[in-house]
Amino acid sequence: MPGTERAVRRSVTLPPRAAERVRTLAQAGHTTASRVLAELIDLGLESKENEKKRFMALADRLAQAKSPASRARLKEELARLTFGD
């Protein structure tokens, strides 16, 4: 977390299994559960943004694709990205 920003305190309730996994990660990393949660949230937000960028790049490629085979392949890839396997 950048030093110029002030941290915001939030309270969350975790399911027991998730709480145990966070505790295990914290112990293994010699850090706190709060730090683990903050890192996981940052990674999740970054992952979501990257997913959006990938989707938009695929949509651009689909719009520019000329061959029906390329269009079909890109549509399949977009469907997997959107709906999973």
N, C-alpha and C. Protein backbone atom coordinates (compact mmCIF):
# COMPACT_ATOMS: atom_id res chain seq x y z
N MET A 1 0.85 -1.18 0.00
CA MET A 1 0.00 0.00 0.00
C MET A 1 0.89 1.24 0.00
N PRO A 2 0.62 2.17 -0.90
CA PRO A 2 1.43 3.37 -0.97
C PRO A 2 1.38 4.15 0.34
N GLY A 3 2.49 4.74 0.70
CA GLY A 3 2.60 5.47 1.96
C GLY A 3 1.82 6.76 2.00
N THR A 4 1.47 7.34 0.85
CA THR A 4 0.77 8.62 0.83
C THR A 4 -0.73 8.48 1.04
N GLU A 5 -1.25 7.28 0.88
CA GLU A 5 -2.68 7.06 1.07
C GLU A 5 -2.95 6.62 2.50
N ARG A 6 -4.08 7.07 3.02
CA ARG A 6 -4.48 6.63 4.35
C ARG A 6 -5.27 5.33 4.24
N ALA A 7 -4.97 4.43 5.11
CA ALA A 7 -5.69 3.15 5.13
C ALA A 7 -7.11 3.38 5.62
N VAL A 8 -8.03 2.59 5.10
CA VAL A 8 -9.43 2.66 5.50
C VAL A 8 -9.76 1.35 6.20
N ARG A 9 -10.29 1.43 7.38
CA ARG A 9 -10.62 0.24 8.16
C ARG A 9 -12.00 -0.26 7.76
N ARG A 10 -12.09 -1.55 7.47
CA ARG A 10 -13.35 -2.18 7.12
C ARG A 10 -13.48 -3.46 7.93
N SER A 11 -14.69 -3.87 8.14
CA SER A 11 -14.95 -5.11 8.85
C SER A 11 -15.61 -6.08 7.88
N VAL A 12 -15.10 -7.29 7.82
CA VAL A 12 -15.70 -8.31 6.96
C VAL A 12 -15.88 -9.59 7.77
N THR A 13 -16.87 -10.35 7.39
CA THR A 13 -17.09 -11.65 8.00
C THR A 13 -16.74 -12.69 6.95
N LEU A 14 -15.84 -13.60 7.32
CA LEU A 14 -15.40 -14.64 6.40
C LEU A 14 -16.01 -15.98 6.79
N PRO A 15 -16.29 -16.80 5.80
CA PRO A 15 -16.69 -18.16 6.13
C PRO A 15 -15.53 -18.86 6.84
N PRO A 16 -15.81 -19.81 7.71
CA PRO A 16 -14.74 -20.46 8.48
C PRO A 16 -13.60 -21.01 7.62
N ARG A 17 -13.93 -21.62 6.50
CA ARG A 17 -12.87 -22.20 5.66
C ARG A 17 -11.96 -21.11 5.10
N ALA A 18 -12.53 -20.01 4.65
CA ALA A 18 -11.74 -18.90 4.12
C ALA A 18 -10.88 -18.28 5.21
N ALA A 19 -11.46 -18.12 6.39
CA ALA A 19 -10.71 -17.54 7.52
C ALA A 19 -9.52 -18.42 7.87
N GLU A 20 -9.70 -19.72 7.83
CA GLU A 20 -8.60 -20.65 8.14
C GLU A 20 -7.52 -20.56 7.07
N ARG A 21 -7.91 -20.45 5.84
CA ARG A 21 -6.92 -20.33 4.76
C ARG A 21 -6.13 -19.03 4.88
N VAL A 22 -6.81 -17.95 5.24
CA VAL A 22 -6.12 -16.66 5.42
C VAL A 22 -5.14 -16.77 6.58
N ARG A 23 -5.58 -17.39 7.69
CA ARG A 23 -4.71 -17.55 8.85
C ARG A 23 -3.47 -18.37 8.49
N THR A 24 -3.68 -19.44 7.73
CA THR A 24 -2.57 -20.30 7.31
C THR A 24 -1.58 -19.53 6.43
N LEU A 25 -2.11 -18.74 5.50
CA LEU A 25 -1.24 -17.92 4.65
C LEU A 25 -0.46 -16.90 5.47
N ALA A 26 -1.13 -16.30 6.43
CA ALA A 26 -0.47 -15.31 7.28
C ALA A 26 0.66 -15.95 8.08
N GLN A 27 0.40 -17.10 8.65
CA GLN A 27 1.44 -17.78 9.42
C GLN A 27 2.61 -18.18 8.53
N ALA A 28 2.31 -18.71 7.36
CA ALA A 28 3.37 -19.15 6.45
C ALA A 28 4.21 -17.97 5.96
N GLY A 29 3.58 -16.83 5.80
CA GLY A 29 4.28 -15.64 5.33
C GLY A 29 4.81 -14.75 6.44
N HIS A 30 4.65 -15.19 7.68
CA HIS A 30 5.09 -14.40 8.84
C HIS A 30 4.56 -12.98 8.80
N THR A 31 3.25 -12.89 8.57
CA THR A 31 2.60 -11.59 8.50
C THR A 31 1.24 -11.69 9.19
N THR A 32 0.45 -10.67 9.05
CA THR A 32 -0.87 -10.65 9.70
C THR A 32 -1.96 -11.06 8.72
N ALA A 33 -3.08 -11.49 9.28
CA ALA A 33 -4.23 -11.83 8.45
C ALA A 33 -4.72 -10.58 7.69
N SER A 34 -4.64 -9.43 8.33
CA SER A 34 -5.06 -8.19 7.65
C SER A 34 -4.21 -7.91 6.43
N ARG A 35 -2.91 -8.14 6.54
CA ARG A 35 -2.01 -7.93 5.40
C ARG A 35 -2.34 -8.92 4.28
N VAL A 36 -2.59 -10.17 4.64
CA VAL A 36 -2.94 -11.18 3.64
C VAL A 36 -4.24 -10.78 2.93
N LEU A 37 -5.24 -10.36 3.69
CA LEU A 37 -6.51 -9.95 3.08
C LEU A 37 -6.31 -8.76 2.14
N ALA A 38 -5.52 -7.78 2.55
CA ALA A 38 -5.26 -6.61 1.71
C ALA A 38 -4.57 -7.02 0.42
N GLU A 39 -3.59 -7.92 0.51
CA GLU A 39 -2.88 -8.39 -0.68
C GLU A 39 -3.81 -9.18 -1.60
N LEU A 40 -4.65 -10.03 -1.01
CA LEU A 40 -5.59 -10.80 -1.82
C LEU A 40 -6.59 -9.89 -2.53
N ILE A 41 -7.05 -8.87 -1.86
CA ILE A 41 -7.98 -7.92 -2.47
C ILE A 41 -7.30 -7.18 -3.60
N ASP A 42 -6.07 -6.71 -3.38
CA ASP A 42 -5.33 -6.03 -4.44
C ASP A 42 -5.15 -6.93 -5.66
N LEU A 43 -4.76 -8.19 -5.41
CA LEU A 43 -4.59 -9.14 -6.51
C LEU A 43 -5.90 -9.39 -7.25
N GLY A 44 -7.00 -9.51 -6.50
CA GLY A 44 -8.30 -9.72 -7.12
C GLY A 44 -8.73 -8.55 -7.97
N LEU A 45 -8.51 -7.34 -7.48
CA LEU A 45 -8.88 -6.15 -8.24
C LEU A 45 -8.04 -6.04 -9.51
N GLU A 46 -6.75 -6.32 -9.39
CA GLU A 46 -5.86 -6.28 -10.55
C GLU A 46 -6.26 -7.35 -11.57
N SER A 47 -6.60 -8.52 -11.09
CA SER A 47 -7.02 -9.61 -11.96
C SER A 47 -8.30 -9.23 -12.71
N LYS A 48 -9.23 -8.62 -12.01
CA LYS A 48 -10.49 -8.21 -12.64
C LYS A 48 -10.23 -7.18 -13.74
N GLU A 49 -9.35 -6.24 -13.48
CA GLU A 49 -9.02 -5.21 -14.48
C GLU A 49 -8.34 -5.85 -15.70
N ASN A 50 -7.42 -6.79 -15.45
CA ASN A 50 -6.76 -7.48 -16.56
C ASN A 50 -7.75 -8.29 -17.38
N GLU A 51 -8.72 -8.90 -16.72
CA GLU A 51 -9.76 -9.66 -17.41
C GLU A 51 -10.56 -8.75 -18.33
N LYS A 52 -10.88 -7.56 -17.85
CA LYS A 52 -11.63 -6.59 -18.65
C LYS A 52 -10.81 -6.17 -19.87
N LYS A 53 -9.52 -5.91 -19.67
CA LYS A 53 -8.65 -5.51 -20.78
C LYS A 53 -8.56 -6.62 -21.82
N ARG A 54 -8.44 -7.85 -21.35
CA ARG A 54 -8.36 -8.99 -22.27
C ARG A 54 -9.66 -9.12 -23.07
N PHE A 55 -10.78 -8.96 -22.40
CA PHE A 55 -12.08 -9.02 -23.09
C PHE A 55 -12.15 -7.96 -24.18
N MET A 56 -11.78 -6.73 -23.84
CA MET A 56 -11.87 -5.64 -24.81
C MET A 56 -10.93 -5.87 -25.99
N ALA A 57 -9.74 -6.39 -25.74
CA ALA A 57 -8.81 -6.69 -26.83
C ALA A 57 -9.38 -7.77 -27.75
N LEU A 58 -9.99 -8.80 -27.16
CA LEU A 58 -10.61 -9.85 -27.97
C LEU A 58 -11.78 -9.29 -28.78
N ALA A 59 -12.57 -8.43 -28.17
CA ALA A 59 -13.70 -7.82 -28.88
C ALA A 59 -13.21 -6.99 -30.05
N ASP A 60 -12.12 -6.25 -29.87
CA ASP A 60 -11.54 -5.47 -30.97
C ASP A 60 -11.06 -6.39 -32.09
N ARG A 61 -10.39 -7.49 -31.71
CA ARG A 61 -9.92 -8.45 -32.72
C ARG A 61 -11.10 -9.06 -33.47
N LEU A 62 -12.18 -9.36 -32.75
CA LEU A 62 -13.37 -9.93 -33.40
C LEU A 62 -13.95 -8.94 -34.41
N ALA A 63 -14.02 -7.68 -34.03
CA ALA A 63 -14.58 -6.66 -34.93
C ALA A 63 -13.74 -6.52 -36.19
N GLN A 64 -12.44 -6.78 -36.10
CA GLN A 64 -11.54 -6.62 -37.25
C GLN A 64 -11.31 -7.91 -38.02
N ALA A 65 -11.74 -9.04 -37.48
CA ALA A 65 -11.50 -10.33 -38.12
C ALA A 65 -12.26 -10.44 -39.44
N LYS A 66 -11.59 -10.95 -40.44
CA LYS A 66 -12.19 -11.07 -41.77
C LYS A 66 -12.73 -12.47 -42.03
N SER A 67 -11.96 -13.48 -41.67
CA SER A 67 -12.36 -14.84 -42.02
C SER A 67 -13.38 -15.40 -41.04
N PRO A 68 -14.32 -16.17 -41.55
CA PRO A 68 -15.32 -16.79 -40.67
C PRO A 68 -14.68 -17.70 -39.60
N ALA A 69 -13.60 -18.38 -39.95
CA ALA A 69 -12.92 -19.26 -38.98
C ALA A 69 -12.34 -18.45 -37.83
N SER A 70 -11.72 -17.32 -38.15
CA SER A 70 -11.15 -16.44 -37.11
C SER A 70 -12.26 -15.88 -36.22
N ARG A 71 -13.35 -15.47 -36.85
CA ARG A 71 -14.47 -14.92 -36.09
C ARG A 71 -15.05 -15.98 -35.14
N ALA A 72 -15.20 -17.20 -35.64
CA ALA A 72 -15.75 -18.27 -34.81
C ALA A 72 -14.82 -18.58 -33.63
N ARG A 73 -13.52 -18.62 -33.89
CA ARG A 73 -12.55 -18.89 -32.82
C ARG A 73 -12.58 -17.79 -31.77
N LEU A 74 -12.62 -16.54 -32.20
CA LEU A 74 -12.66 -15.41 -31.27
C LEU A 74 -13.96 -15.40 -30.47
N LYS A 75 -15.06 -15.75 -31.10
CA LYS A 75 -16.34 -15.83 -30.38
C LYS A 75 -16.27 -16.89 -29.30
N GLU A 76 -15.68 -18.03 -29.61
CA GLU A 76 -15.51 -19.11 -28.62
C GLU A 76 -14.65 -18.63 -27.45
N GLU A 77 -13.58 -17.92 -27.76
CA GLU A 77 -12.69 -17.42 -26.71
C GLU A 77 -13.40 -16.40 -25.82
N LEU A 78 -14.18 -15.52 -26.44
CA LEU A 78 -14.96 -14.55 -25.67
C LEU A 78 -16.00 -15.25 -24.79
N ALA A 79 -16.62 -16.28 -25.32
CA ALA A 79 -17.62 -17.02 -24.54
C ALA A 79 -16.95 -17.69 -23.33
N ARG A 80 -15.78 -18.30 -23.54
CA ARG A 80 -15.07 -18.94 -22.41
C ARG A 80 -14.66 -17.90 -21.37
N LEU A 81 -14.19 -16.74 -21.83
CA LEU A 81 -13.79 -15.69 -20.91
C LEU A 81 -14.99 -15.18 -20.10
N THR A 82 -16.13 -15.09 -20.75
CA THR A 82 -17.34 -14.56 -20.13
C THR A 82 -18.03 -15.58 -19.23
N PHE A 83 -18.18 -16.81 -19.74
CA PHE A 83 -18.99 -17.81 -19.05
C PHE A 83 -18.18 -18.96 -18.45
N GLY A 84 -16.90 -19.00 -18.70
CA GLY A 84 -16.09 -20.11 -18.22
C GLY A 84 -16.11 -21.26 -19.21
N ASP A 85 -15.46 -22.35 -18.84
CA ASP A 85 -15.36 -23.49 -19.75
C ASP A 85 -16.64 -24.17 -19.88
